[in-house]
Amino acid sequence: MTSYVPDIKVPIIKKGISEIHSLYNEFKNKKIVLFGIPGAFTPTCSEEHFPEYVKLYDKIISKGIDDIYCISVNDRYVMKSWLISYSDDHNIIGIADGNSDITKHFNLIADKTKNYMGFRSARFSMIISDNMLVKLNIEETSELKVSTAENILNYL
């Protein structure tokens, strides 16, 4: 696994608007939390993982974090629809890693073929400071413990 953010261009979704940006430039001079989900509209991601980050957003930001990003191996249209399905009341920024370039870069590919989902992102959370990986938490298959917003908040 590498410990730096690559200069890969991906769709980044902010407040319902999807634009292609360099991930490296997006994270430059920032301290951010990035959490990965196996898929938009999937039960654990939609009902537990993402909502907890929305709920604890202000507390995490108050610990010196500039932004919180959610990444998934989904296309930009699915990711945008999923993010806006929560309402406009959250500030989580989406990253649509449809080609899994970022997920592969960090060696976080999860084989979900037995569930007919193909290859997706592992469930994880990380803290990145000025494009360098500071902390990484990777879940065991079918768990939601170490990548939670509460766990990140406790670490910060």
Protein backbone atom coordinates (compact mmCIF):
# COMPACT_ATOMS: atom_id res chain seq x y z
CA MET A 1 0.00 0.00 0.00
CA THR A 2 1.19 3.47 -0.79
CA SER A 3 0.96 6.35 1.63
CA TYR A 4 0.41 9.25 -0.75
CA VAL A 5 -2.59 10.52 -2.70
CA PRO A 6 -2.18 10.08 -6.45
CA ASP A 7 -2.88 12.66 -9.13
CA ILE A 8 -5.89 10.76 -10.50
CA LYS A 9 -8.86 12.58 -12.00
CA VAL A 10 -12.26 11.45 -10.74
CA PRO A 11 -15.78 12.82 -10.41
CA ILE A 12 -16.13 14.71 -7.13
CA ILE A 13 -19.67 15.51 -6.03
CA LYS A 14 -20.34 18.57 -3.89
CA LYS A 15 -23.88 19.65 -3.06
CA GLY A 16 -25.32 17.71 -6.01
CA ILE A 17 -22.83 18.98 -8.58
CA SER A 18 -20.42 16.48 -10.13
CA GLU A 19 -17.18 17.72 -11.69
CA ILE A 20 -13.96 15.98 -12.69
CA HIS A 21 -11.03 17.02 -10.48
CA SER A 22 -7.55 15.87 -9.62
CA LEU A 23 -7.73 14.09 -6.28
CA TYR A 24 -4.23 15.35 -5.48
CA ASN A 25 -5.28 18.97 -6.03
CA GLU A 26 -8.55 18.45 -4.15
CA PHE A 27 -6.71 17.29 -1.01
CA LYS A 28 -3.71 19.64 -1.29
CA ASN A 29 -3.09 21.67 1.90
CA LYS A 30 -6.02 19.99 3.66
CA LYS A 31 -6.50 17.55 6.49
CA ILE A 32 -9.39 15.32 5.52
CA VAL A 33 -11.28 12.18 6.46
CA LEU A 34 -11.98 9.78 3.61
CA PHE A 35 -14.22 6.79 4.17
CA GLY A 36 -14.94 4.07 1.67
CA ILE A 37 -18.10 2.10 1.19
CA PRO A 38 -18.74 -1.01 -0.91
CA GLY A 39 -21.69 0.56 -2.70
CA ALA A 40 -24.21 3.37 -2.79
CA PHE A 41 -27.74 2.27 -1.92
CA THR A 42 -26.50 -0.86 -0.12
CA PRO A 43 -28.02 -1.48 3.34
CA THR A 44 -25.09 -1.02 5.74
CA CYS A 45 -23.65 1.88 3.77
CA SER A 46 -26.96 3.69 3.48
CA GLU A 47 -28.49 2.95 6.86
CA GLU A 48 -25.48 3.01 9.19
CA HIS A 49 -22.07 4.04 7.82
CA PHE A 50 -22.93 7.22 5.89
CA PRO A 51 -25.61 8.52 8.31
CA GLU A 52 -23.17 8.35 11.25
CA TYR A 53 -20.72 10.60 9.38
CA VAL A 54 -23.56 13.04 8.68
CA LYS A 55 -24.54 12.99 12.37
CA LEU A 56 -20.98 13.51 13.66
CA TYR A 57 -19.85 15.85 10.88
CA ASP A 58 -19.58 19.00 13.03
CA LYS A 59 -17.72 17.20 15.81
CA ILE A 60 -15.18 15.74 13.36
CA ILE A 61 -14.69 19.11 11.64
CA SER A 62 -14.17 20.76 15.04
CA LYS A 63 -11.10 18.51 15.53
CA GLY A 64 -9.20 20.27 12.73
CA ILE A 65 -10.54 18.36 9.74
CA ASP A 66 -11.22 20.49 6.64
CA ASP A 67 -13.60 18.14 4.81
CA ILE A 68 -15.11 14.66 4.92
CA TYR A 69 -15.25 12.59 1.72
CA CYS A 70 -17.05 9.35 0.92
CA ILE A 71 -15.69 7.18 -1.89
CA SER A 72 -17.32 4.26 -3.64
CA VAL A 73 -16.67 2.21 -6.77
CA ASN A 74 -19.83 3.55 -8.38
CA ASP A 75 -20.31 5.80 -11.38
CA ARG A 76 -20.89 9.51 -10.87
CA TYR A 77 -24.62 9.27 -11.58
CA VAL A 78 -25.27 6.61 -8.98
CA MET A 79 -23.07 8.37 -6.41
CA LYS A 80 -24.75 11.73 -7.04
CA SER A 81 -28.25 10.22 -6.72
CA TRP A 82 -27.27 8.43 -3.54
CA LEU A 83 -25.78 11.55 -1.94
CA ILE A 84 -28.78 13.75 -2.75
CA SER A 85 -31.14 11.06 -1.45
CA TYR A 86 -30.10 12.14 2.06
CA SER A 87 -31.25 15.74 1.52
CA ASP A 88 -29.25 18.89 1.14
CA ASP A 89 -28.56 19.07 4.87
CA HIS A 90 -25.19 17.31 4.83
CA ASN A 91 -21.74 18.42 3.79
CA ILE A 92 -20.16 15.08 2.94
CA ILE A 93 -18.35 15.24 -0.40
CA GLY A 94 -18.63 12.24 -2.72
CA ILE A 95 -15.97 10.64 -4.86
CA ALA A 96 -17.16 8.36 -7.66
CA ASP A 97 -14.29 5.94 -8.21
CA GLY A 98 -16.09 4.20 -11.08
CA ASN A 99 -12.88 2.78 -12.57
CA SER A 100 -11.58 1.90 -9.08
CA ASP A 101 -8.34 3.78 -9.79
CA ILE A 102 -8.08 5.19 -6.27
CA THR A 103 -9.27 2.01 -4.61
CA LYS A 104 -6.63 0.03 -6.52
CA HIS A 105 -3.95 2.62 -5.73
CA PHE A 106 -4.51 2.10 -2.00
CA ASN A 107 -4.94 -1.69 -2.43
CA LEU A 108 -8.48 -1.54 -1.04
CA ILE A 109 -10.28 -3.64 -3.65
CA ALA A 110 -12.87 -6.04 -2.22
CA ASP A 111 -14.13 -9.02 -4.19
CA LYS A 112 -17.93 -8.90 -3.89
CA THR A 113 -18.59 -11.25 -6.81
CA LYS A 114 -20.30 -13.84 -4.58
CA ASN A 115 -22.94 -11.15 -3.90
CA TYR A 116 -23.14 -10.24 -7.63
CA MET A 117 -21.58 -6.84 -6.99
CA GLY A 118 -18.27 -7.29 -8.81
CA PHE A 119 -15.14 -5.71 -7.38
CA ARG A 120 -15.79 -2.83 -5.01
CA SER A 121 -14.07 -0.81 -2.36
CA ALA A 122 -13.36 -2.36 1.00
CA ARG A 123 -15.09 -0.59 3.86
CA PHE A 124 -12.47 1.71 5.36
CA SER A 125 -11.68 5.11 6.80
CA MET A 126 -8.52 7.14 6.58
CA ILE A 127 -7.12 10.45 7.63
CA ILE A 128 -5.05 12.27 5.02
CA SER A 129 -2.99 15.37 5.70
CA ASP A 130 -1.62 17.34 2.74
CA ASN A 131 -1.89 14.27 0.49
CA MET A 132 -0.14 11.89 2.87
CA LEU A 133 -1.91 9.00 4.58
CA VAL A 134 -1.84 9.46 8.36
CA LYS A 135 -4.25 6.79 9.59
CA LEU A 136 -5.99 3.86 7.91
CA ASN A 137 -8.71 1.60 9.30
CA ILE A 138 -9.84 -1.34 7.15
CA GLU A 139 -12.88 -3.39 8.11
CA GLU A 140 -12.99 -7.15 8.16
CA THR A 141 -15.55 -8.51 5.68
CA SER A 142 -19.15 -7.72 6.69
CA GLU A 143 -18.16 -5.60 9.70
CA LEU A 144 -18.70 -1.97 10.63
CA LYS A 145 -16.44 -1.15 13.57
CA VAL A 146 -13.09 0.47 12.82
CA SER A 147 -14.22 2.70 9.93
CA THR A 148 -17.05 4.38 11.79
CA ALA A 149 -17.30 8.12 12.34
CA GLU A 150 -17.23 7.48 16.09
CA ASN A 151 -13.91 5.63 15.78
CA ILE A 152 -12.39 8.46 13.70
CA LEU A 153 -13.67 11.01 16.20
CA ASN A 154 -12.09 9.06 19.07
CA TYR A 155 -8.78 8.94 17.20
CA LEU A 156 -8.79 12.68 16.55
